[in-house]
N, C-alpha and C. Protein backbone atom coordinates (compact mmCIF):
# COMPACT_ATOMS: atom_id res chain seq x y z
N MET A 1 -32.52 -13.39 8.84
CA MET A 1 -32.26 -14.53 8.32
C MET A 1 -31.68 -13.99 6.89
N THR A 2 -30.53 -14.15 6.61
CA THR A 2 -29.94 -13.23 5.23
C THR A 2 -30.63 -14.50 3.93
N SER A 3 -30.56 -13.55 2.95
CA SER A 3 -31.48 -14.48 1.39
C SER A 3 -30.05 -14.26 0.78
N GLN A 4 -30.21 -15.57 0.00
CA GLN A 4 -29.33 -16.15 -1.02
C GLN A 4 -28.29 -14.63 -1.97
N ASN A 5 -29.32 -13.72 -2.03
CA ASN A 5 -28.99 -12.77 -3.11
C ASN A 5 -28.38 -11.61 -1.94
N THR A 6 -29.04 -11.20 -1.05
CA THR A 6 -28.50 -9.89 -0.23
C THR A 6 -27.14 -10.23 0.71
N PRO A 7 -26.06 -9.45 0.51
CA PRO A 7 -24.57 -9.69 1.39
C PRO A 7 -25.24 -9.41 2.25
N ARG A 8 -24.26 -10.24 3.48
CA ARG A 8 -24.58 -10.13 4.73
C ARG A 8 -23.36 -8.36 5.18
N THR A 9 -24.06 -7.94 5.90
CA THR A 9 -23.33 -7.12 6.52
C THR A 9 -23.01 -7.46 8.26
N VAL A 10 -21.74 -7.37 8.53
CA VAL A 10 -20.58 -7.63 9.72
C VAL A 10 -21.36 -6.15 10.29
N SER A 11 -21.96 -5.90 11.85
CA SER A 11 -21.85 -5.15 12.27
C SER A 11 -20.50 -5.03 13.50
N ASN A 12 -19.83 -6.51 14.05
CA ASN A 12 -19.22 -6.70 14.56
C ASN A 12 -18.37 -5.61 14.56
N PRO A 13 -17.42 -4.75 15.18
CA PRO A 13 -16.76 -3.71 15.13
C PRO A 13 -15.21 -4.23 14.53
N SER A 14 -14.78 -4.97 14.68
CA SER A 14 -13.45 -6.09 14.48
C SER A 14 -13.37 -6.38 13.19
N PHE A 15 -12.02 -5.95 12.33
CA PHE A 15 -11.90 -6.59 11.15
C PHE A 15 -11.57 -8.16 10.81
N PRO A 16 -12.70 -9.01 10.10
CA PRO A 16 -11.65 -10.02 9.92
C PRO A 16 -10.65 -10.02 9.51
N GLN A 17 -9.64 -10.67 9.61
CA GLN A 17 -8.18 -11.24 9.10
C GLN A 17 -8.69 -11.50 7.81
N SER A 18 -9.44 -12.44 7.90
CA SER A 18 -9.30 -13.49 7.08
C SER A 18 -10.77 -13.72 6.53
N ILE A 19 -11.62 -14.24 5.95
CA ILE A 19 -12.69 -14.76 5.59
C ILE A 19 -12.62 -16.11 4.92
N ILE A 20 -14.16 -17.28 5.66
CA ILE A 20 -13.60 -18.43 4.73
C ILE A 20 -14.39 -18.31 3.60
N LEU A 21 -13.97 -18.54 2.68
CA LEU A 21 -15.04 -18.65 1.01
C LEU A 21 -15.79 -19.22 0.86
N ASP A 22 -15.37 -20.80 1.65
CA ASP A 22 -16.63 -21.55 1.03
C ASP A 22 -17.86 -21.46 1.51
N LYS A 23 -17.98 -20.59 2.77
CA LYS A 23 -19.24 -20.12 3.30
C LYS A 23 -20.18 -18.73 2.57
N TRP A 24 -18.97 -18.10 2.19
CA TRP A 24 -19.18 -16.56 2.01
C TRP A 24 -19.37 -16.20 0.04
N GLU A 25 -18.50 -16.96 -0.50
CA GLU A 25 -18.71 -17.11 -1.56
C GLU A 25 -20.10 -16.82 -2.48
N ASP A 26 -21.31 -17.96 -2.25
CA ASP A 26 -21.95 -17.71 -2.93
C ASP A 26 -22.89 -17.05 -1.99
N ALA A 27 -23.31 -17.22 -0.61
CA ALA A 27 -23.87 -15.93 -0.15
C ALA A 27 -23.42 -14.60 0.11
N GLY A 28 -22.43 -14.25 0.02
CA GLY A 28 -22.08 -13.00 -0.18
C GLY A 28 -21.62 -12.67 0.49
N PHE A 29 -20.85 -11.40 1.13
CA PHE A 29 -20.30 -11.01 2.44
C PHE A 29 -19.92 -9.60 2.69
N SER A 30 -20.23 -8.63 3.36
CA SER A 30 -20.11 -7.41 3.73
C SER A 30 -19.75 -7.01 4.80
N TRP A 31 -18.82 -5.75 5.19
CA TRP A 31 -18.29 -5.46 6.24
C TRP A 31 -17.71 -4.25 6.02
N GLU A 32 -18.43 -3.39 7.18
CA GLU A 32 -18.60 -1.86 7.05
C GLU A 32 -17.76 -1.26 8.56
N GLY A 33 -16.67 -0.34 8.32
CA GLY A 33 -16.10 -0.17 9.77
C GLY A 33 -15.08 0.93 9.49
N GLU A 34 -14.73 1.07 10.61
CA GLU A 34 -12.97 1.54 10.89
C GLU A 34 -12.29 1.19 11.37
N VAL A 35 -11.11 1.34 10.43
CA VAL A 35 -9.71 0.64 10.41
C VAL A 35 -8.34 1.18 10.92
N THR A 36 -7.53 1.02 11.57
CA THR A 36 -6.02 1.88 11.71
C THR A 36 -5.07 1.40 11.22
N PRO A 37 -4.20 1.81 10.57
CA PRO A 37 -2.78 1.23 10.39
C PRO A 37 -2.30 0.53 11.03
N MET A 38 -3.05 0.42 12.45
CA MET A 38 -2.53 -0.74 13.82
C MET A 38 -2.28 -2.11 13.15
N LEU A 39 -3.48 -2.69 12.18
CA LEU A 39 -4.24 -3.50 12.06
C LEU A 39 -3.18 -4.44 11.00
N PHE A 40 -1.88 -3.41 10.00
CA PHE A 40 -1.80 -3.74 8.84
C PHE A 40 -0.04 -3.20 8.95
N PRO A 41 0.35 -4.63 9.42
CA PRO A 41 2.44 -4.56 9.60
C PRO A 41 2.93 -4.10 8.19
N ARG A 42 2.42 -4.44 6.92
CA ARG A 42 3.60 -3.75 5.98
C ARG A 42 3.13 -2.27 5.95
N LEU A 43 1.92 -1.82 6.50
CA LEU A 43 1.79 -0.29 6.15
C LEU A 43 2.18 0.42 7.42
N LEU A 44 2.03 -0.26 8.82
CA LEU A 44 2.74 0.49 9.38
C LEU A 44 4.06 1.01 9.85
N GLU A 45 4.98 0.44 8.59
CA GLU A 45 6.11 0.25 8.66
C GLU A 45 6.57 1.95 8.25
N LEU A 46 5.31 2.95 7.35
CA LEU A 46 5.48 3.47 6.77
C LEU A 46 4.73 4.76 7.19
N VAL A 47 3.88 4.52 8.19
CA VAL A 47 2.94 5.47 8.97
C VAL A 47 3.84 6.18 10.01
N ASP A 48 3.60 7.84 10.26
CA ASP A 48 3.88 8.37 11.54
C ASP A 48 3.83 7.75 12.60
N THR A 49 4.23 7.46 13.66
CA THR A 49 4.07 6.94 14.94
C THR A 49 3.16 7.70 15.95
N ASN A 50 2.82 8.97 15.60
CA ASN A 50 1.72 9.54 16.24
C ASN A 50 0.39 9.89 15.67
N HIS A 51 0.19 8.80 14.28
CA HIS A 51 -0.71 8.80 13.81
C HIS A 51 -1.37 7.53 13.32
N ARG A 52 -1.04 6.30 14.26
CA ARG A 52 -0.91 5.27 13.70
C ARG A 52 -2.33 4.32 14.33
N LYS A 53 -2.92 5.27 14.54
CA LYS A 53 -4.32 5.16 15.70
C LYS A 53 -5.51 5.54 14.72
N THR A 54 -4.57 6.68 13.74
CA THR A 54 -5.72 7.30 12.80
C THR A 54 -7.11 6.77 12.33
N ALA A 55 -8.49 6.81 12.06
CA ALA A 55 -9.34 5.99 11.30
C ALA A 55 -9.19 5.98 9.92
N ILE A 56 -9.15 5.01 9.45
CA ILE A 56 -9.64 5.14 7.67
C ILE A 56 -11.07 4.11 7.42
N ASN A 57 -11.97 4.75 6.95
CA ASN A 57 -13.21 4.11 6.51
C ASN A 57 -13.25 3.66 5.95
N LEU A 58 -13.80 1.97 6.01
CA LEU A 58 -13.62 1.01 5.20
C LEU A 58 -14.72 0.12 4.59
N CYS A 59 -15.01 -0.29 3.34
CA CYS A 59 -16.00 -1.01 3.06
C CYS A 59 -15.85 -2.32 2.07
N CYS A 60 -16.06 -3.38 2.56
CA CYS A 60 -15.88 -4.55 1.67
C CYS A 60 -16.53 -5.31 1.77
N LYS A 61 -16.85 -5.99 0.19
CA LYS A 61 -18.11 -6.42 0.04
C LYS A 61 -17.22 -7.68 -1.42
N LEU A 62 -17.71 -9.15 -0.71
CA LEU A 62 -17.58 -10.24 -1.74
C LEU A 62 -19.10 -10.87 -2.00
N GLU A 63 -19.32 -11.18 -3.21
CA GLU A 63 -20.08 -11.44 -3.94
C GLU A 63 -20.05 -11.90 -5.10
N LYS A 64 -20.54 -12.87 -5.81
CA LYS A 64 -20.45 -13.34 -7.10
C LYS A 64 -21.52 -13.57 -8.19
N ARG A 65 -20.96 -12.94 -9.30
CA ARG A 65 -21.64 -12.47 -10.09
C ARG A 65 -21.44 -12.97 -11.43
N ASP A 66 -21.75 -14.17 -12.54
CA ASP A 66 -21.70 -14.49 -13.61
C ASP A 66 -20.43 -15.35 -13.43
N ASN A 67 -20.19 -15.92 -12.12
CA ASN A 67 -19.55 -17.08 -12.10
C ASN A 67 -17.74 -16.77 -12.17
N VAL A 68 -18.13 -15.27 -11.20
CA VAL A 68 -16.81 -14.81 -10.82
C VAL A 68 -17.30 -14.31 -9.75
N THR A 69 -15.82 -14.32 -8.91
CA THR A 69 -16.52 -14.02 -7.34
C THR A 69 -15.16 -12.36 -7.57
N TRP A 70 -16.34 -11.40 -6.74
CA TRP A 70 -15.76 -10.12 -6.80
C TRP A 70 -15.80 -9.66 -6.00
N LEU A 71 -14.84 -9.27 -5.16
CA LEU A 71 -14.05 -8.53 -3.71
C LEU A 71 -14.29 -6.85 -3.99
N SER A 72 -15.22 -5.94 -3.35
CA SER A 72 -14.72 -4.52 -3.79
C SER A 72 -14.70 -4.06 -2.72
N MET A 73 -14.07 -2.56 -2.24
CA MET A 73 -13.37 -2.71 -1.58
C MET A 73 -13.11 -0.71 -1.90
N SER A 74 -13.81 -0.16 -1.21
CA SER A 74 -13.50 1.12 -0.54
C SER A 74 -13.17 1.59 0.77
N PHE A 75 -12.34 3.00 0.43
CA PHE A 75 -12.23 3.82 1.92
C PHE A 75 -11.44 4.84 1.89
N ASP A 76 -11.68 5.69 3.16
CA ASP A 76 -11.21 6.82 2.91
C ASP A 76 -11.10 7.77 4.31
N GLY A 77 -10.65 8.74 4.24
CA GLY A 77 -9.94 8.76 5.44
C GLY A 77 -8.40 9.38 5.20
N ALA A 78 -7.50 9.60 5.88
CA ALA A 78 -6.35 9.75 6.06
C ALA A 78 -5.20 9.60 6.72
N LEU A 79 -3.96 9.26 5.63
CA LEU A 79 -3.09 8.17 5.46
C LEU A 79 -1.39 9.48 6.09
N TRP A 80 -1.06 9.13 7.44
CA TRP A 80 -0.22 10.17 8.04
C TRP A 80 1.17 9.11 7.77
N VAL A 81 2.15 9.62 6.50
CA VAL A 81 3.27 8.93 6.67
C VAL A 81 4.73 9.91 6.57
N ILE A 82 5.39 10.07 6.45
CA ILE A 82 6.71 10.91 6.79
C ILE A 82 7.27 11.43 5.09
N CYS A 83 7.46 12.40 5.49
CA CYS A 83 7.37 13.82 4.03
C CYS A 83 9.04 12.55 3.89
N GLN A 84 9.24 12.87 2.72
CA GLN A 84 11.17 11.94 2.74
C GLN A 84 11.91 13.57 2.48
N ARG A 85 11.57 14.99 2.28
CA ARG A 85 12.75 16.04 2.51
C ARG A 85 12.24 16.77 3.87
N CYS A 86 11.34 17.04 4.57
CA CYS A 86 11.30 17.58 5.37
C CYS A 86 11.30 16.81 6.90
N LEU A 87 11.07 15.40 6.46
CA LEU A 87 10.38 14.29 8.09
C LEU A 87 9.67 14.88 8.80
N GLN A 88 8.64 15.28 8.40
CA GLN A 88 7.62 15.76 8.96
C GLN A 88 6.45 14.91 8.80
N PRO A 89 5.21 15.15 9.42
CA PRO A 89 4.42 14.17 9.38
C PRO A 89 3.16 14.61 7.69
N LEU A 90 3.25 13.90 7.13
CA LEU A 90 2.65 14.44 5.65
C LEU A 90 1.27 13.46 5.52
N ASP A 91 -0.14 14.38 5.45
CA ASP A 91 -1.44 13.66 5.10
C ASP A 91 -1.90 13.17 3.71
N ILE A 92 -2.09 11.61 3.77
CA ILE A 92 -2.50 11.12 1.99
C ILE A 92 -4.10 11.15 2.15
N GLU A 93 -4.56 12.02 1.82
CA GLU A 93 -6.07 11.59 1.81
C GLU A 93 -6.49 10.45 0.67
N LEU A 94 -7.15 9.97 1.39
CA LEU A 94 -7.83 8.39 0.37
C LEU A 94 -9.20 8.55 0.06
N ASP A 95 -9.53 8.32 -0.99
CA ASP A 95 -11.21 8.25 -1.39
C ASP A 95 -10.75 7.30 -2.57
N TYR A 96 -11.23 5.72 -1.90
CA TYR A 96 -10.80 5.03 -2.96
C TYR A 96 -11.64 3.91 -3.21
N GLU A 97 -11.85 3.00 -4.69
CA GLU A 97 -12.71 2.30 -4.89
C GLU A 97 -11.93 1.44 -5.93
N GLU A 98 -12.20 -0.10 -5.58
CA GLU A 98 -11.28 -1.32 -6.31
C GLU A 98 -12.03 -2.33 -6.15
N LYS A 99 -12.60 -2.89 -7.73
CA LYS A 99 -13.04 -4.28 -7.63
C LYS A 99 -11.90 -5.29 -8.33
N LEU A 100 -12.02 -6.14 -7.52
CA LEU A 100 -11.35 -7.25 -8.17
C LEU A 100 -11.64 -8.36 -8.10
N ALA A 101 -11.38 -9.16 -9.14
CA ALA A 101 -11.89 -10.58 -9.63
C ALA A 101 -10.99 -11.61 -9.07
N LEU A 102 -11.94 -12.05 -8.27
CA LEU A 102 -11.12 -13.12 -7.41
C LEU A 102 -11.15 -14.67 -8.53
N LEU A 103 -10.19 -15.40 -9.40
CA LEU A 103 -10.17 -16.52 -10.44
C LEU A 103 -9.46 -17.38 -9.54
N TYR A 104 -10.33 -18.76 -10.04
CA TYR A 104 -10.01 -19.57 -9.47
C TYR A 104 -8.34 -19.81 -11.09
N ASP A 105 -8.31 -19.18 -12.01
CA ASP A 105 -7.19 -19.85 -12.66
C ASP A 105 -7.38 -19.21 -13.53
N GLU A 106 -6.41 -18.88 -14.58
CA GLU A 106 -5.70 -17.94 -15.49
C GLU A 106 -7.12 -17.84 -16.50
N SER A 107 -7.39 -18.81 -16.84
CA SER A 107 -8.57 -19.04 -18.46
C SER A 107 -9.68 -18.42 -17.74
N GLN A 108 -9.73 -17.72 -16.51
CA GLN A 108 -11.49 -17.36 -16.16
C GLN A 108 -11.53 -15.83 -16.53
N SER A 109 -9.91 -15.02 -16.69
CA SER A 109 -9.54 -13.58 -17.26
C SER A 109 -10.41 -13.61 -18.75
N SER A 110 -10.98 -14.83 -19.37
CA SER A 110 -11.39 -14.37 -20.28
C SER A 110 -12.47 -13.69 -20.30
N LEU A 111 -13.04 -13.70 -19.51
CA LEU A 111 -14.71 -13.44 -18.77
C LEU A 111 -14.72 -11.99 -18.41
N LEU A 112 -13.31 -11.27 -17.79
CA LEU A 112 -13.26 -10.14 -17.76
C LEU A 112 -12.67 -9.08 -19.08
N ASP A 113 -13.27 -7.98 -18.85
CA ASP A 113 -12.57 -6.75 -19.72
C ASP A 113 -11.01 -6.89 -19.44
N ASP A 114 -10.49 -6.05 -20.01
CA ASP A 114 -8.94 -6.29 -20.29
C ASP A 114 -8.05 -5.19 -18.89
N GLU A 115 -9.34 -3.82 -18.45
CA GLU A 115 -8.63 -2.98 -17.55
C GLU A 115 -8.93 -3.56 -16.33
N ILE A 116 -9.62 -4.46 -15.92
CA ILE A 116 -10.44 -5.45 -14.39
C ILE A 116 -8.85 -5.73 -14.11
N ASP A 117 -8.69 -5.54 -12.77
CA ASP A 117 -7.73 -6.15 -12.16
C ASP A 117 -8.24 -7.35 -11.41
N TYR A 118 -7.15 -8.63 -11.30
CA TYR A 118 -8.00 -9.56 -10.78
C TYR A 118 -6.67 -10.47 -9.93
N VAL A 119 -7.30 -11.23 -9.34
CA VAL A 119 -6.45 -12.01 -8.39
C VAL A 119 -6.22 -13.56 -8.53
N LEU A 120 -5.16 -14.29 -8.69
CA LEU A 120 -5.75 -16.00 -8.59
C LEU A 120 -5.80 -16.39 -7.38
N LEU A 121 -6.61 -17.00 -7.27
CA LEU A 121 -6.90 -17.54 -5.66
C LEU A 121 -5.64 -18.28 -5.27
N ASP A 122 -5.69 -19.36 -6.30
CA ASP A 122 -4.34 -20.10 -5.93
C ASP A 122 -3.05 -19.46 -4.93
N GLU A 123 -3.44 -18.04 -5.53
CA GLU A 123 -1.66 -17.28 -5.14
C GLU A 123 -1.91 -16.48 -3.40
N VAL A 124 -3.10 -16.59 -3.31
CA VAL A 124 -3.76 -15.85 -1.87
C VAL A 124 -4.23 -16.67 -0.94
N ILE A 125 -4.93 -17.87 -1.25
CA ILE A 125 -5.81 -18.76 -0.61
C ILE A 125 -4.62 -19.56 0.56
N SER A 126 -5.14 -20.07 1.40
CA SER A 126 -4.58 -20.26 2.36
C SER A 126 -5.72 -21.38 3.12
N THR A 127 -5.44 -22.85 3.67
CA THR A 127 -6.49 -23.87 3.93
C THR A 127 -6.09 -24.24 5.26
N GLN A 128 -7.13 -23.72 6.48
CA GLN A 128 -6.92 -24.24 7.47
C GLN A 128 -8.21 -25.09 8.20
N GLN A 129 -7.91 -26.50 8.53
CA GLN A 129 -9.27 -26.85 9.14
C GLN A 129 -9.88 -27.67 7.63
N HIS A 130 -9.51 -27.61 6.64
CA HIS A 130 -10.47 -27.97 5.31
C HIS A 130 -10.97 -26.88 4.70
N GLN A 131 -10.71 -25.61 5.29
CA GLN A 131 -10.98 -24.62 4.42
C GLN A 131 -10.30 -23.20 3.89
N ARG A 132 -10.83 -23.14 2.81
CA ARG A 132 -10.21 -21.98 2.55
C ARG A 132 -10.71 -20.67 2.98
N LEU A 133 -9.76 -20.05 3.78
CA LEU A 133 -9.29 -18.72 3.81
C LEU A 133 -8.90 -17.58 2.70
N LEU A 134 -10.11 -16.83 2.97
CA LEU A 134 -9.30 -15.70 1.42
C LEU A 134 -8.78 -14.05 2.58
N PRO A 135 -7.37 -13.91 2.46
CA PRO A 135 -6.76 -13.12 3.42
C PRO A 135 -7.43 -11.53 3.21
N LEU A 136 -8.86 -11.51 3.60
CA LEU A 136 -9.03 -10.27 3.56
C LEU A 136 -8.01 -8.54 3.99
N ALA A 137 -7.71 -8.84 5.23
CA ALA A 137 -6.00 -7.85 5.85
C ALA A 137 -5.39 -8.08 4.60
N GLU A 138 -4.95 -8.74 4.12
CA GLU A 138 -4.00 -8.69 3.26
C GLU A 138 -4.24 -7.98 2.18
N LEU A 139 -5.40 -7.86 1.67
CA LEU A 139 -5.63 -7.80 0.32
C LEU A 139 -6.44 -6.18 0.36
N VAL A 140 -6.28 -5.73 1.44
CA VAL A 140 -7.33 -4.45 1.62
C VAL A 140 -5.45 -3.62 2.11
N GLU A 141 -4.49 -4.40 2.37
CA GLU A 141 -3.05 -3.96 2.61
C GLU A 141 -2.59 -3.60 1.43
N ASP A 142 -2.74 -4.37 1.19
CA ASP A 142 -2.29 -4.57 -0.52
C ASP A 142 -2.66 -2.89 -1.33
N GLU A 143 -4.18 -2.96 -0.87
CA GLU A 143 -4.88 -1.59 -1.94
C GLU A 143 -4.10 -0.66 -1.30
N LEU A 144 -3.93 -0.26 0.10
CA LEU A 144 -3.99 0.78 0.68
C LEU A 144 -2.22 1.24 0.51
N LEU A 145 -1.31 0.23 0.78
CA LEU A 145 -0.02 0.48 -0.01
C LEU A 145 0.25 0.92 -1.46
N LEU A 146 -1.00 0.64 -2.29
CA LEU A 146 -0.93 1.40 -3.48
C LEU A 146 -1.11 2.42 -3.93
N ASN A 147 -1.85 3.25 -2.51
CA ASN A 147 -2.12 4.35 -2.54
C ASN A 147 -1.02 5.10 -1.92
N VAL A 148 -0.42 4.93 -1.44
CA VAL A 148 0.82 5.26 -0.88
C VAL A 148 2.04 6.08 -1.67
N PRO A 149 2.38 7.11 -2.04
CA PRO A 149 3.11 7.73 -2.93
C PRO A 149 4.91 7.17 -2.47
N LEU A 150 5.48 6.80 -3.27
CA LEU A 150 6.62 5.82 -3.47
C LEU A 150 7.73 7.05 -2.83
N SER A 151 7.45 8.25 -3.23
CA SER A 151 8.42 9.13 -2.48
C SER A 151 7.50 10.20 -1.85
N ALA A 152 6.72 9.82 -0.70
CA ALA A 152 5.60 10.81 -0.57
C ALA A 152 6.73 12.03 0.28
N LYS A 153 6.19 13.17 -0.32
CA LYS A 153 6.78 14.80 0.12
C LYS A 153 5.74 15.90 0.29
N HIS A 154 5.76 16.77 0.91
CA HIS A 154 4.86 18.13 1.15
C HIS A 154 5.39 18.62 -0.36
N GLU A 155 4.17 19.84 -0.76
CA GLU A 155 4.87 20.58 -2.04
C GLU A 155 5.64 21.37 -2.02
N ASP A 156 5.78 21.87 -0.80
CA ASP A 156 6.71 22.90 -0.37
C ASP A 156 6.72 22.92 0.29
N CYS A 157 8.20 22.40 0.77
CA CYS A 157 8.69 22.15 2.17
C CYS A 157 10.24 22.16 1.74
N GLU A 158 11.25 22.25 2.66
CA GLU A 158 12.59 22.51 2.55
C GLU A 158 13.13 21.15 2.49
N MET A 159 14.42 20.61 1.96
CA MET A 159 14.39 19.32 2.41
C MET A 159 15.43 19.57 3.62
N MET A 160 15.32 18.57 4.57
CA MET A 160 16.09 18.57 6.08
C MET A 160 17.77 18.59 5.50
N VAL A 161 18.36 19.48 6.12
CA VAL A 161 19.55 19.15 5.77
C VAL A 161 20.06 19.52 7.40
N ALA A 162 21.26 18.74 8.27
CA ALA A 162 21.72 18.48 8.98
C ALA A 162 23.50 18.94 8.76
N GLN A 163 23.91 20.36 9.53
CA GLN A 163 25.21 20.23 9.19
C GLN A 163 25.73 19.75 10.37
N VAL A 164 27.44 19.10 9.86
CA VAL A 164 28.14 18.16 10.99
C VAL A 164 29.49 19.59 11.10
N GLY A 165 29.58 19.57 12.15
CA GLY A 165 30.96 20.16 11.57
C GLY A 165 31.23 21.49 11.29
N ASP A 166 32.24 22.46 10.84
CA ASP A 166 32.56 23.50 10.30
C ASP A 166 32.85 22.89 8.81
N ILE A 167 31.89 24.13 7.89
CA ILE A 167 32.38 23.90 6.17
C ILE A 167 34.06 24.74 6.15
N PRO A 168 34.63 23.59 5.81
CA PRO A 168 36.10 24.51 5.76
C PRO A 168 36.21 25.69 4.67
N GLU A 169 36.96 26.85 4.70
CA GLU A 169 37.11 27.59 3.77
C GLU A 169 37.62 27.08 2.21
N ASP A 170 37.32 27.61 1.27
CA ASP A 170 37.64 27.44 0.07
C ASP A 170 39.54 27.57 0.25
N GLU A 171 40.23 26.52 -0.02
CA GLU A 171 41.62 26.57 0.40
C GLU A 171 42.03 26.76 -1.64
N GLU A 172 42.92 27.69 -1.92
CA GLU A 172 43.22 27.22 -3.03
C GLU A 172 44.64 26.82 -2.91
N SER A 173 43.71 25.34 -3.70
CA SER A 173 44.88 24.07 -3.42
C SER A 173 45.47 24.32 -5.30
N ASP A 174 46.48 23.61 -5.24
CA ASP A 174 47.62 23.52 -6.48
C ASP A 174 46.82 22.53 -7.31
N ASN A 175 46.55 23.44 -8.64
CA ASN A 175 46.03 22.51 -10.23
C ASN A 175 46.66 21.66 -10.15
N PRO A 176 46.27 20.57 -10.20
CA PRO A 176 47.02 19.07 -10.71
C PRO A 176 47.55 19.51 -12.13
N PHE A 177 46.53 19.90 -13.21
CA PHE A 177 47.35 20.26 -14.16
C PHE A 177 48.65 20.84 -14.50
N ALA A 178 48.63 22.24 -13.66
CA ALA A 178 49.66 23.30 -13.67
C ALA A 178 50.59 22.35 -13.08
N VAL A 179 51.28 21.36 -11.91
CA VAL A 179 51.73 20.38 -11.37
C VAL A 179 52.36 19.36 -12.23
N LEU A 180 51.34 18.84 -13.34
CA LEU A 180 51.88 18.29 -14.50
C LEU A 180 52.77 19.20 -15.72
N ALA A 181 52.07 20.34 -16.10
CA ALA A 181 53.12 21.31 -17.07
C ALA A 181 54.41 21.43 -16.38
N GLY A 182 54.30 21.48 -14.57
CA GLY A 182 55.75 21.53 -14.32
C GLY A 182 56.49 20.90 -14.38
N LEU A 183 56.38 19.32 -14.16
CA LEU A 183 57.07 18.28 -14.69
C LEU A 183 57.27 18.44 -15.74
N LYS A 184 56.47 18.27 -16.55
CA LYS A 184 56.67 18.56 -18.17
C LYS A 184 58.09 19.30 -18.19
N GLU A 185 57.72 20.43 -18.03
CA GLU A 185 58.96 21.58 -18.15
C GLU A 185 60.36 20.70 -17.72
N GLN A 186 60.37 20.37 -16.30
CA GLN A 186 61.43 19.80 -15.99
C GLN A 186 61.99 18.94 -16.13
N LEU A 187 61.30 17.76 -17.45
CA LEU A 187 61.44 16.84 -17.96
C LEU A 187 62.44 17.54 -19.26
N SER A 188 61.73 18.66 -20.16
CA SER A 188 62.36 18.88 -21.14
C SER A 188 63.29 19.80 -20.65
N GLU A 189 64.16 19.81 -19.70
CA GLU A 189 65.16 21.07 -19.30
C GLU A 189 66.43 20.06 -19.86
C-alpha cells in the first residue's frame, strides 16, 4: 500500500507515454528504468541508425509540494547522433537532472524563483475519457532534445568532402578590366 507522502515507483519496464494527472498528482508518481531513442519520434530523427536501441537510464518523479506540482527527471547514458563534419556516429554523454514546475496558470509563477523552469499545464495536458493526461514521454523527449547540440561534431575530425569529376586547371582568363580598357582605347581613337 502506498502512503499519501510516498510516490509510487513503477516497476513495470515499459515507459508510460502519459500519466493520469488527477490520479497521481496528489499521491505522487515515480518511474525508473531504461528507455531507448526508439520511444521518441522527434529524437529518433537525429540518432544514428545503428544506435537507436542504445539504452538511456531515466528516472521521473511527479510530486506536489507547496501547492505546486513538480516533475523531476534525470537521465544518463549515451546518445549517438551523426557528426555534422565527418558524417560518422558521435556519442553525446548524458548526465542530466531537471525539475519542472507544472503550473495551472501564469499567476502561479510568482510562487517560484526566477531561474526555475515551468510548463503551463493548459499547453500540454490532453483530456481522454474525462481524465487529464500529462504527456510524460513528450516532456522527457523535449529535455533530451535540449541536450543535443544544434550542430553536433567531433572535436578533431575533418569535414567529409566528396569530389565529383576533375578539378579544371587554372586557365588564364581575360581580365574583364583589360577588356574594358581595350574598348576604351578603341572609343578614344
